[in-house]
């Protein structure tokens, strides 16, 4: 029976260098298509052998994003969710590790009937099955598929072959390729150079894939003559060579792409039953305008141990910007390392609000405790997320009689483990298996600052942690003033705390940054930034 083609695919590859903005380009195209009224999904393919991003060092790979169904994924899924305003499933992050593990499991189960298992067809078929499985979950009109790394990487070759096959099987009129490259500017020569783009496109064509659109990333705009040259040497329509120079905010990229008529290019190339209309991005233009204001300014300090790489806290950074724009201020974000013998007090004095992010391991924890102490002593708005909340609980306990209070994550022999692992978790041996991952229900306590922020009693938030507030200390710490403003529905797990006698000091065990959107800032971030701005005016 002839297959009915429902979903269209846009495949995004990269050339020249990594980290040139394939994720932002993909998300921006998705935003444009969403504005046309289409149901858009997204897939990120990561060619590394890890099962997921969960055990990767943030310095190497940036933030680990968590989906609502509990998958630890690449940070680009965060961009997709924020730009598309959707919730993606863990299936949307495909890794080499997942592909090979699935194929080997099938071989062990005898599903290949004794065949010699090979990259083609078994690995490539598995990749295509994963792509289609993801597409079917959302009944999408269009699915964006971003292939990580650059064309020419050895580990990317099976994926490129699978994507070439996908084009043939789904028919060319339903699949298009967008190649994102970098156009360097050589100061010595005083000109842009197109040879890297020509070579990466040639490499892609050698795999049997001709790009339909080339998106040229550059620090400054390139002229029409240069775009025509790229079109000529790379065998694409001159109108399909699109330039995206560096923007003041990533949320401006959909507007830049639409100015280059990329929406119309996509609609015509894969036959979408919509009319491309740039006026439908007016709402997005207003969001961008609010994000680009310069005054007034509120300065937020992020005190953590991965501050040398901003991408380690990318969702937090974006959430602060969303919140600031929504109340008409600009968030000036500064980073301060907690992995020091003594925190830089002079730097701390510049902050209107202090945010302590999550993390794992003891390194930098004492610095976070010092930041909590500083915020308490100076009545500075304080927001603790995950380990940040745990540092607030630990420091509150130390200030109220438990001088050696700590987390059993750092010392299993301590007398007062105010943060501890639940008994049922201790029996699990696999790294990551002990964690609470994904979306969980939480009930909010009325009469708290948390309730003022949410204005609702029942919420869902995403978690990524293995240690919890130790209920053995719950009653005593509450008697000493600690406010528990959110718990699990059965009241067993403490999810949100507030410090007493403080203008704004909230800690949450979950990661609210994963649910913030430019058009819908997270309530806790909005409340925190508002409190920080109020503090700045005093």
Protein backbone atom coordinates (compact mmCIF):
# COMPACT_ATOMS: atom_id res chain seq x y z
CA UNK A 1 0.00 0.00 0.00
CA UNK A 2 1.30 3.44 -0.88
CA UNK A 3 2.51 5.42 2.07
CA UNK A 4 0.62 8.61 2.97
CA UNK A 5 3.12 11.39 3.57
CA UNK A 6 2.07 13.65 6.42
CA UNK A 7 5.20 15.05 8.05
CA UNK A 8 7.69 17.25 6.22
CA UNK A 9 11.34 17.29 7.29
CA UNK A 10 13.91 20.08 7.39
CA UNK A 11 17.41 18.76 8.03
CA UNK A 12 20.04 21.16 9.33
CA UNK A 13 23.74 20.37 8.98
CA UNK A 14 26.79 22.39 9.88
CA UNK A 15 30.13 23.12 8.27
CA UNK A 16 33.48 24.80 8.93
CA UNK A 17 33.32 24.94 12.74
CA UNK A 18 31.02 23.76 15.52
CA UNK A 19 29.02 26.11 17.75
CA UNK A 20 28.16 28.44 14.85
CA UNK A 21 24.47 28.51 15.70
CA UNK A 22 22.80 25.51 14.06
CA UNK A 23 20.51 25.18 17.08
CA UNK A 24 19.45 28.82 17.01
CA UNK A 25 19.00 28.67 13.22
CA UNK A 26 16.84 25.55 13.55
CA UNK A 27 14.78 27.00 16.38
CA UNK A 28 14.34 30.27 14.48
CA UNK A 29 13.03 28.51 11.37
CA UNK A 30 10.68 26.62 13.65
CA UNK A 31 9.47 29.86 15.19
CA UNK A 32 8.69 31.25 11.71
CA UNK A 33 6.74 28.13 10.75
CA UNK A 34 4.89 28.17 14.09
CA UNK A 35 3.82 31.74 13.34
CA UNK A 36 2.19 30.41 10.17
CA UNK A 37 0.02 28.13 12.32
CA UNK A 38 1.95 24.90 11.71
CA UNK A 39 2.59 22.19 14.30
CA UNK A 40 6.39 22.01 14.48
CA UNK A 41 8.59 19.47 16.24
CA UNK A 42 12.36 19.22 16.57
CA UNK A 43 15.03 16.55 16.87
CA UNK A 44 18.67 16.99 17.90
CA UNK A 45 21.12 14.30 16.80
CA UNK A 46 24.31 14.12 18.86
CA UNK A 47 26.91 11.80 17.30
CA UNK A 48 28.75 11.08 20.56
CA UNK A 49 28.68 7.57 22.06
CA UNK A 50 27.18 8.62 25.37
CA UNK A 51 23.63 7.43 26.01
CA UNK A 52 22.64 10.99 26.91
CA UNK A 53 24.13 14.29 28.11
CA UNK A 54 23.69 13.49 31.78
CA UNK A 55 27.27 12.51 32.59
CA UNK A 56 28.98 15.06 30.33
CA UNK A 57 31.08 17.78 31.93
CA UNK A 58 29.30 21.16 31.56
CA UNK A 59 32.64 22.71 30.56
CA UNK A 60 32.73 20.43 27.51
CA UNK A 61 29.10 20.41 26.48
CA UNK A 62 27.31 23.19 28.32
CA UNK A 63 24.09 22.79 30.23
CA UNK A 64 22.20 19.52 30.49
CA UNK A 65 18.59 20.21 29.56
CA UNK A 66 15.84 18.01 31.04
CA UNK A 67 12.61 17.20 29.24
CA UNK A 68 9.30 16.80 31.05
CA UNK A 69 9.46 13.02 30.61
CA UNK A 70 12.84 12.88 32.35
CA UNK A 71 15.48 12.64 29.61
CA UNK A 72 18.78 14.48 30.05
CA UNK A 73 19.48 16.08 26.70
CA UNK A 74 21.56 18.52 24.72
CA UNK A 75 21.01 22.21 25.48
CA UNK A 76 19.65 22.82 21.96
CA UNK A 77 16.38 21.19 23.02
CA UNK A 78 16.08 24.10 25.43
CA UNK A 79 16.35 26.51 22.50
CA UNK A 80 13.69 24.54 20.62
CA UNK A 81 11.27 24.60 23.56
CA UNK A 82 11.79 28.31 24.20
CA UNK A 83 11.44 29.37 20.55
CA UNK A 84 8.63 26.97 19.61
CA UNK A 85 6.85 27.22 22.98
CA UNK A 86 6.37 23.45 23.10
CA UNK A 87 7.33 20.57 25.39
CA UNK A 88 9.48 18.00 23.62
CA UNK A 89 9.95 14.38 24.65
CA UNK A 90 13.25 12.70 25.41
CA UNK A 91 12.94 10.86 22.09
CA UNK A 92 13.82 14.16 20.45
CA UNK A 93 17.48 13.73 21.40
CA UNK A 94 19.10 10.93 19.41
CA UNK A 95 22.67 9.87 20.23
CA UNK A 96 25.02 7.32 18.74
CA UNK A 97 24.91 5.55 22.10
CA UNK A 98 21.14 5.16 21.93
CA UNK A 99 21.27 3.94 18.34
CA UNK A 100 23.96 1.32 18.85
CA UNK A 101 22.53 0.09 22.15
CA UNK A 102 19.13 -0.43 20.51
CA UNK A 103 20.64 -2.30 17.56
CA UNK A 104 22.78 -4.53 19.78
CA UNK A 105 19.76 -5.30 21.98
CA UNK A 106 17.77 -6.30 18.91
CA UNK A 107 20.63 -8.50 17.71
CA UNK A 108 20.79 -10.25 21.10
CA UNK A 109 17.04 -10.85 20.90
CA UNK A 110 17.47 -12.53 17.51
CA UNK A 111 15.47 -9.94 15.62
CA UNK A 112 17.91 -9.86 12.67
CA UNK A 113 17.50 -13.58 11.97
CA UNK A 114 21.22 -14.32 12.06
CA UNK A 115 22.19 -11.56 9.63
CA UNK A 116 25.60 -9.91 9.80
CA UNK A 117 24.76 -6.64 11.59
CA UNK A 118 26.25 -3.67 9.75
CA UNK A 119 26.15 0.13 9.69
CA UNK A 120 24.14 -0.12 6.47
CA UNK A 121 21.35 -1.13 6.70
CA UNK A 122 20.95 -1.83 10.44
CA UNK A 123 22.35 1.33 12.01
CA UNK A 124 20.91 3.62 9.36
CA UNK A 125 17.51 1.91 9.61
CA UNK A 126 17.54 2.38 13.38
CA UNK A 127 18.27 6.09 12.98
CA UNK A 128 15.36 6.47 10.59
CA UNK A 129 13.06 4.53 12.92
CA UNK A 130 13.97 6.85 15.80
CA UNK A 131 13.30 9.92 13.67
CA UNK A 132 9.90 8.60 12.57
CA UNK A 133 8.98 7.53 16.10
CA UNK A 134 9.61 11.06 17.31
CA UNK A 135 7.65 12.53 14.42
CA UNK A 136 4.64 10.34 15.14
CA UNK A 137 4.42 11.31 18.83
CA UNK A 138 3.40 14.89 18.08
CA UNK A 139 1.45 14.55 14.82
CA UNK A 140 3.73 17.25 13.44
CA UNK A 141 3.34 19.10 10.17
CA UNK A 142 7.08 19.78 10.09
CA UNK A 143 9.98 18.27 12.01
CA UNK A 144 13.34 20.01 12.23
CA UNK A 145 16.33 17.65 12.45
CA UNK A 146 19.60 19.18 13.57
CA UNK A 147 22.74 17.07 13.14
CA UNK A 148 25.38 18.02 15.69
CA UNK A 149 29.03 18.55 14.82
CA UNK A 150 30.24 19.37 11.33
CA UNK A 151 30.10 17.65 7.97
CA UNK A 152 33.24 15.54 7.64
CA UNK A 153 33.27 14.24 11.21
CA UNK A 154 33.73 10.46 11.19
CA UNK A 155 31.02 9.90 13.78
CA UNK A 156 28.48 11.86 11.69
CA UNK A 157 28.75 9.70 8.56
CA UNK A 158 26.14 7.05 9.49
CA UNK A 159 23.67 9.82 10.31
CA UNK A 160 24.27 11.65 7.05
CA UNK A 161 23.73 8.42 5.16
CA UNK A 162 20.52 7.75 7.10
CA UNK A 163 19.30 11.27 6.37
CA UNK A 164 20.09 10.83 2.68
CA UNK A 165 18.03 7.63 2.72
CA UNK A 166 15.24 9.39 4.59
CA UNK A 167 15.02 11.97 1.81
CA UNK A 168 14.62 9.22 -0.79
CA UNK A 169 12.08 7.24 1.24
CA UNK A 170 9.95 10.23 2.24
CA UNK A 171 10.33 11.73 -1.26
CA UNK A 172 12.42 14.74 -2.10
CA UNK A 173 9.44 17.11 -2.13
CA UNK A 174 8.92 16.40 1.57
CA UNK A 175 12.52 16.77 2.74
CA UNK A 176 14.88 19.71 2.46
CA UNK A 177 18.44 20.34 3.64
CA UNK A 178 19.74 23.55 5.20
CA UNK A 179 23.50 23.87 5.57
CA UNK A 180 24.82 26.36 8.16
CA UNK A 181 28.38 27.57 7.60
CA UNK A 182 30.74 30.25 8.85
CA UNK A 183 32.13 33.02 6.66
CA UNK A 184 35.36 34.21 8.31
CA UNK A 185 36.72 37.71 7.87
CA UNK A 186 40.51 37.95 7.53
CA UNK A 187 41.79 41.27 8.84
CA UNK A 188 45.12 40.84 7.03
CA UNK A 189 43.37 40.43 3.68
CA UNK A 190 40.57 42.83 4.51
CA UNK A 191 37.88 40.56 3.15
CA UNK A 192 35.49 37.69 3.85
CA UNK A 193 36.52 34.21 2.71
CA UNK A 194 34.07 31.77 1.14
CA UNK A 195 36.43 28.83 0.59
CA UNK A 196 35.54 27.12 3.93
CA UNK A 197 31.87 27.21 2.91
CA UNK A 198 32.67 25.87 -0.54
CA UNK A 199 34.65 22.97 0.94
CA UNK A 200 32.05 22.01 3.55
CA UNK A 201 29.32 22.07 0.90
CA UNK A 202 31.48 19.91 -1.36
CA UNK A 203 31.94 17.46 1.53
CA UNK A 204 28.18 17.33 2.02
CA UNK A 205 27.56 16.77 -1.68
CA UNK A 206 30.09 13.91 -1.65
CA UNK A 207 27.67 12.16 0.74
CA UNK A 208 24.90 12.49 -1.83
CA UNK A 209 23.25 15.51 -0.22
CA UNK A 210 22.77 18.81 -2.02
CA UNK A 211 21.74 21.65 0.31
CA UNK A 212 18.62 23.58 -0.64
CA UNK A 213 19.53 26.56 1.52
CA UNK A 214 22.89 27.79 2.80
CA UNK A 215 22.79 29.94 5.93
CA UNK A 216 25.98 31.95 6.21
CA UNK A 217 26.97 32.96 9.72
CA UNK A 218 29.28 35.95 9.98
CA UNK A 219 30.30 38.61 12.46
CA UNK A 220 29.22 41.39 10.08
CA UNK A 221 26.77 41.37 7.14
CA UNK A 222 28.05 40.09 3.79
CA UNK A 223 27.07 41.74 0.50
CA UNK A 224 25.08 40.43 -2.47
CA UNK A 225 28.21 39.80 -4.57
CA UNK A 226 29.53 37.42 -1.92
CA UNK A 227 26.20 35.62 -1.64
CA UNK A 228 26.07 35.25 -5.43
CA UNK A 229 29.57 33.79 -5.38
CA UNK A 230 28.57 31.20 -2.79
CA UNK A 231 25.46 30.33 -4.79
CA UNK A 232 27.53 29.85 -7.95
CA UNK A 233 30.21 27.64 -6.42
CA UNK A 234 27.85 25.66 -4.17
CA UNK A 235 25.13 25.17 -6.82
CA UNK A 236 22.19 26.71 -4.99
CA UNK A 237 19.70 29.40 -5.95
CA UNK A 238 21.09 32.87 -5.09
CA UNK A 239 17.88 33.57 -3.15
CA UNK A 240 18.65 30.51 -1.01
CA UNK A 241 21.94 31.93 0.31
CA UNK A 242 20.92 33.58 3.56
CA UNK A 243 23.16 35.68 5.78
CA UNK A 244 22.70 35.85 9.57
CA UNK A 245 25.29 38.20 11.05
CA UNK A 246 25.76 38.36 14.82
CA UNK A 247 22.65 39.73 16.54
CA UNK A 248 22.23 41.57 19.83
CA UNK A 249 19.89 38.82 21.05
CA UNK A 250 19.33 35.28 19.78
CA UNK A 251 15.60 35.97 19.65
CA UNK A 252 16.22 38.39 16.80
CA UNK A 253 17.36 35.60 14.45
CA UNK A 254 13.82 34.58 13.33
CA UNK A 255 13.27 38.19 12.23
CA UNK A 256 16.58 38.25 10.33
CA UNK A 257 15.78 34.96 8.60
CA UNK A 258 12.29 36.14 7.65
CA UNK A 259 13.74 39.35 6.20
CA UNK A 260 15.65 36.98 3.90
CA UNK A 261 12.33 35.29 2.95
CA UNK A 262 13.35 31.93 4.36
CA UNK A 263 9.75 31.20 5.30
CA UNK A 264 8.68 31.46 1.68
CA UNK A 265 11.67 29.34 0.60
CA UNK A 266 10.64 26.56 2.97
CA UNK A 267 6.93 26.74 2.12
CA UNK A 268 7.62 26.53 -1.62
CA UNK A 269 10.36 23.90 -1.39
CA UNK A 270 8.44 21.29 0.62
CA UNK A 271 4.93 22.26 -0.40
CA UNK A 272 3.44 23.42 2.87
CA UNK A 273 -0.24 24.29 2.73
CA UNK A 274 0.14 27.75 4.25
CA UNK A 275 0.85 31.28 3.09
CA UNK A 276 4.18 32.73 4.25
CA UNK A 277 3.50 36.04 5.95
CA UNK A 278 6.15 37.99 7.85
CA UNK A 279 3.44 40.09 9.56
CA UNK A 280 2.60 37.03 11.65
CA UNK A 281 5.87 37.57 13.52
CA UNK A 282 4.66 40.92 14.90
CA UNK A 283 4.13 39.45 18.35
CA UNK A 284 7.65 38.04 18.28
CA UNK A 285 8.98 41.43 17.19
CA UNK A 286 7.46 42.98 20.32
CA UNK A 287 9.21 40.38 22.47
CA UNK A 288 12.53 41.16 20.79
CA UNK A 289 11.97 44.87 21.30
CA UNK A 290 11.40 44.34 25.03
CA UNK A 291 14.56 42.21 25.27
CA UNK A 292 16.69 44.92 23.65
CA UNK A 293 15.95 47.76 26.06
CA UNK A 294 19.00 49.26 27.80
CA UNK A 295 17.42 50.92 30.84
CA UNK A 296 16.61 50.59 33.66
CA UNK A 297 19.13 47.91 34.66
CA UNK A 298 18.98 45.27 37.38
CA UNK A 299 22.23 43.42 38.16
CA UNK A 300 21.90 39.72 38.96
CA UNK A 301 24.85 37.72 40.23
CA UNK A 302 25.03 34.00 39.44
CA UNK A 303 27.27 32.34 42.02
CA UNK A 304 28.35 28.88 40.86
CA UNK A 305 31.32 26.72 39.97
CA UNK A 306 30.92 26.55 36.18
CA UNK A 307 30.88 30.30 35.61
CA UNK A 308 33.82 30.27 33.16
CA UNK A 309 31.44 28.82 30.56
CA UNK A 310 28.16 30.74 30.34
CA UNK A 311 26.51 27.89 28.41
CA UNK A 312 26.63 25.83 31.62
CA UNK A 313 23.81 28.07 32.91
CA UNK A 314 22.19 28.98 29.61
CA UNK A 315 18.57 28.31 30.61
CA UNK A 316 19.01 30.35 33.78
CA UNK A 317 20.49 33.22 31.79
CA UNK A 318 17.62 33.15 29.29
CA UNK A 319 15.02 32.91 32.08
CA UNK A 320 16.43 36.00 33.77
CA UNK A 321 16.24 37.88 30.48
CA UNK A 322 12.65 36.74 29.87
CA UNK A 323 11.64 37.89 33.35
CA UNK A 324 13.43 41.23 33.11
CA UNK A 325 11.89 42.04 29.72
CA UNK A 326 8.41 41.24 31.04
CA UNK A 327 8.69 43.91 33.76
CA UNK A 328 10.41 46.46 31.52
CA UNK A 329 14.00 46.27 32.75
CA UNK A 330 17.30 44.95 31.42
CA UNK A 331 19.00 42.08 33.26
CA UNK A 332 22.73 42.64 33.59
CA UNK A 333 24.06 39.20 34.49
CA UNK A 334 27.38 38.78 36.23
CA UNK A 335 29.06 35.50 37.10
CA UNK A 336 31.02 34.84 40.29
CA UNK A 337 32.92 31.64 41.01
CA UNK A 338 32.01 29.84 44.24
CA UNK A 339 35.06 27.60 43.85
CA UNK A 340 37.34 29.93 45.85
CA UNK A 341 38.65 30.13 49.40
CA UNK A 342 36.85 33.42 49.95
CA UNK A 343 34.09 35.02 47.86
CA UNK A 344 34.80 38.38 46.27
CA UNK A 345 32.76 40.65 48.55
CA UNK A 346 33.44 43.71 46.44
CA UNK A 347 31.91 41.93 43.44
CA UNK A 348 28.96 40.79 45.56
CA UNK A 349 28.24 44.37 46.57
CA UNK A 350 27.33 45.17 42.94
CA UNK A 351 24.51 42.60 42.88
CA UNK A 352 20.86 43.57 43.23
CA UNK A 353 19.94 39.90 43.44
CA UNK A 354 21.88 36.65 43.97
CA UNK A 355 21.03 33.40 42.20
CA UNK A 356 22.69 30.15 43.27
CA UNK A 357 22.27 27.48 40.57
CA UNK A 358 22.32 23.71 40.75
CA UNK A 359 25.30 21.41 40.42
CA UNK A 360 26.85 18.20 41.66
CA UNK A 361 29.81 17.57 43.95
CA UNK A 362 31.37 19.32 46.91
CA UNK A 363 33.62 21.69 44.95
CA UNK A 364 32.35 25.24 45.35
CA UNK A 365 29.66 24.34 47.89
CA UNK A 366 31.19 26.32 50.78
CA UNK A 367 31.35 29.34 48.48
CA UNK A 368 27.63 28.97 47.84
CA UNK A 369 27.03 28.88 51.59
CA UNK A 370 28.98 32.12 51.93
CA UNK A 371 26.79 33.68 49.22
CA UNK A 372 23.68 32.65 51.17
CA UNK A 373 25.16 34.21 54.31
CA UNK A 374 25.94 37.44 52.46
CA UNK A 375 22.39 37.64 51.09
CA UNK A 376 20.93 37.07 54.55
CA UNK A 377 23.12 39.67 56.21
CA UNK A 378 22.43 42.29 53.53
CA UNK A 379 18.77 41.49 52.77
CA UNK A 380 19.57 40.96 49.09
CA UNK A 381 16.97 38.94 47.12
CA UNK A 382 18.19 35.34 47.00
CA UNK A 383 17.10 32.58 44.63
CA UNK A 384 18.41 29.03 45.14
CA UNK A 385 17.85 26.35 42.52
CA UNK A 386 18.41 22.63 43.29
CA UNK A 387 21.82 22.58 45.05
CA UNK A 388 21.21 26.30 45.54
CA UNK A 389 18.15 25.47 47.66
CA UNK A 390 20.15 22.84 49.52
CA UNK A 391 22.83 25.42 50.29
CA UNK A 392 20.12 27.72 51.71
CA UNK A 393 18.81 24.93 53.96
CA UNK A 394 22.33 23.98 55.07
CA UNK A 395 23.34 27.54 55.92
CA UNK A 396 20.05 28.20 57.72
CA UNK A 397 20.66 25.09 59.82
CA UNK A 398 24.22 26.19 60.63
CA UNK A 399 22.96 29.61 61.70
CA UNK A 400 20.37 27.98 63.94
CA UNK A 401 22.23 25.50 66.10
CA UNK A 402 23.47 22.81 63.72
CA UNK A 403 27.01 24.12 63.26
CA UNK A 404 28.20 21.05 61.31
CA UNK A 405 25.08 20.71 59.14
CA UNK A 406 25.87 19.50 55.63
CA UNK A 407 24.75 17.25 52.80
CA UNK A 408 25.54 13.54 52.92
CA UNK A 409 26.52 13.93 49.26
CA UNK A 410 29.76 15.47 50.53
CA UNK A 411 30.26 13.60 53.82
CA UNK A 412 28.50 10.35 54.69
CA UNK A 413 29.71 10.50 58.31
CA UNK A 414 28.34 13.92 59.30
CA UNK A 415 26.23 14.27 62.43
CA UNK A 416 23.55 16.46 60.88
CA UNK A 417 22.80 15.56 57.23
CA UNK A 418 20.05 18.11 56.64
CA UNK A 419 20.27 17.08 52.97
CA UNK A 420 20.29 13.33 52.39
CA UNK A 421 19.44 10.59 49.91
CA UNK A 422 16.17 8.74 50.36
CA UNK A 423 16.54 5.14 51.55
CA UNK A 424 15.03 3.63 48.39
CA UNK A 425 17.54 5.57 46.26
CA UNK A 426 20.56 4.19 48.12
CA UNK A 427 19.92 0.71 46.71
CA UNK A 428 20.34 1.86 43.09
CA UNK A 429 23.88 1.51 41.70
CA UNK A 430 23.76 3.00 38.16
CA UNK A 431 24.94 6.60 37.89
CA UNK A 432 21.87 8.63 37.08
CA UNK A 433 19.54 5.84 38.22
CA UNK A 434 19.21 7.40 41.66
CA UNK A 435 18.06 10.74 40.32
CA UNK A 436 14.62 12.26 40.32
CA UNK A 437 14.28 13.32 36.70
CA UNK A 438 11.52 15.02 34.76
CA UNK A 439 8.22 16.64 35.68
CA UNK A 440 6.67 16.14 39.12
CA UNK A 441 3.62 17.60 40.82
CA UNK A 442 4.02 20.12 43.61
CA UNK A 443 1.49 21.77 45.91
CA UNK A 444 2.00 25.37 46.98
CA UNK A 445 1.22 26.64 50.47
CA UNK A 446 -1.03 29.70 50.59
CA UNK A 447 0.20 32.82 52.33
CA UNK A 448 3.78 32.43 51.10
CA UNK A 449 5.87 34.49 48.67
CA UNK A 450 5.91 31.40 46.47
CA UNK A 451 2.12 31.47 46.25
CA UNK A 452 2.26 35.20 45.47
CA UNK A 453 4.53 34.36 42.53
CA UNK A 454 2.53 31.44 41.12
CA UNK A 455 -1.01 32.47 42.12
CA UNK A 456 -1.97 28.81 41.97
CA UNK A 457 -1.87 25.87 44.35
CA UNK A 458 -0.93 22.98 42.05
CA UNK A 459 2.07 23.14 39.71
CA UNK A 460 4.36 20.83 37.75
CA UNK A 461 8.12 21.39 37.59
CA UNK A 462 11.13 19.52 36.21
CA UNK A 463 13.70 17.92 38.49
CA UNK A 464 17.30 16.75 38.16
CA UNK A 465 18.79 15.71 41.49
CA UNK A 466 19.32 12.74 43.80
CA UNK A 467 19.53 14.31 47.27
CA UNK A 468 16.54 15.70 49.15
CA UNK A 469 15.63 17.78 52.19
CA UNK A 470 15.99 15.42 55.18
CA UNK A 471 12.60 15.17 56.89
CA UNK A 472 14.30 14.22 60.19
CA UNK A 473 15.07 17.95 60.58
CA UNK A 474 11.84 19.28 59.11
CA UNK A 475 9.89 20.08 62.28
CA UNK A 476 12.85 21.53 64.15
CA UNK A 477 13.97 23.80 61.28
CA UNK A 478 10.38 24.97 60.85
CA UNK A 479 10.21 25.81 64.55
CA UNK A 480 13.36 27.85 64.06
CA UNK A 481 11.64 29.84 61.32
CA UNK A 482 12.27 28.02 58.04
CA UNK A 483 9.23 28.31 55.78
CA UNK A 484 8.24 25.31 53.67
CA UNK A 485 6.17 26.77 50.86
CA UNK A 486 5.92 23.80 48.49
CA UNK A 487 5.85 20.03 48.87
CA UNK A 488 5.02 16.91 46.91
CA UNK A 489 1.24 16.23 46.84
CA UNK A 490 1.60 13.65 49.65
CA UNK A 491 3.53 16.22 51.75
CA UNK A 492 6.52 13.87 51.97
CA UNK A 493 9.12 15.70 49.87
CA UNK A 494 10.06 19.32 50.50
CA UNK A 495 10.14 21.11 47.14
CA UNK A 496 10.30 24.83 48.01
CA UNK A 497 11.59 26.73 51.06
CA UNK A 498 11.72 30.37 52.08
CA UNK A 499 14.00 32.06 54.59
CA UNK A 500 12.22 34.04 57.31
CA UNK A 501 12.56 37.79 57.95
CA UNK A 502 13.91 38.40 54.47
CA UNK A 503 12.41 40.49 51.62
CA UNK A 504 12.75 37.66 49.07
CA UNK A 505 14.64 34.40 49.65
CA UNK A 506 13.20 31.35 47.92
CA UNK A 507 14.86 28.03 47.19
CA UNK A 508 13.35 25.32 44.98
CA UNK A 509 14.48 21.74 44.57
CA UNK A 510 13.42 21.70 40.91
CA UNK A 511 14.71 23.60 37.85
CA UNK A 512 12.20 26.31 36.92
CA UNK A 513 14.52 27.61 34.19
CA UNK A 514 13.53 24.71 31.92
CA UNK A 515 9.95 26.01 31.60
CA UNK A 516 10.58 29.72 31.01
CA UNK A 517 9.66 31.18 27.62
CA UNK A 518 10.25 34.64 26.09
CA UNK A 519 6.48 35.10 25.89
CA UNK A 520 5.81 33.37 29.24
CA UNK A 521 8.55 34.05 31.80
CA UNK A 522 8.58 31.65 34.73
CA UNK A 523 6.69 33.03 37.77
CA UNK A 524 9.58 32.51 40.21
CA UNK A 525 12.08 34.23 37.92
CA UNK A 526 9.68 37.11 37.33
CA UNK A 527 9.08 37.55 41.06
CA UNK A 528 12.81 37.31 41.82
CA UNK A 529 13.81 39.88 39.19
CA UNK A 530 11.04 42.23 40.35
CA UNK A 531 12.29 41.94 43.96
CA UNK A 532 15.87 42.53 42.78
CA UNK A 533 14.84 45.62 40.84
CA UNK A 534 12.98 46.96 43.89
CA UNK A 535 16.14 46.36 45.94
CA UNK A 536 18.23 48.28 43.36
CA UNK A 537 16.06 51.36 43.85
CA UNK A 538 16.59 51.47 47.64
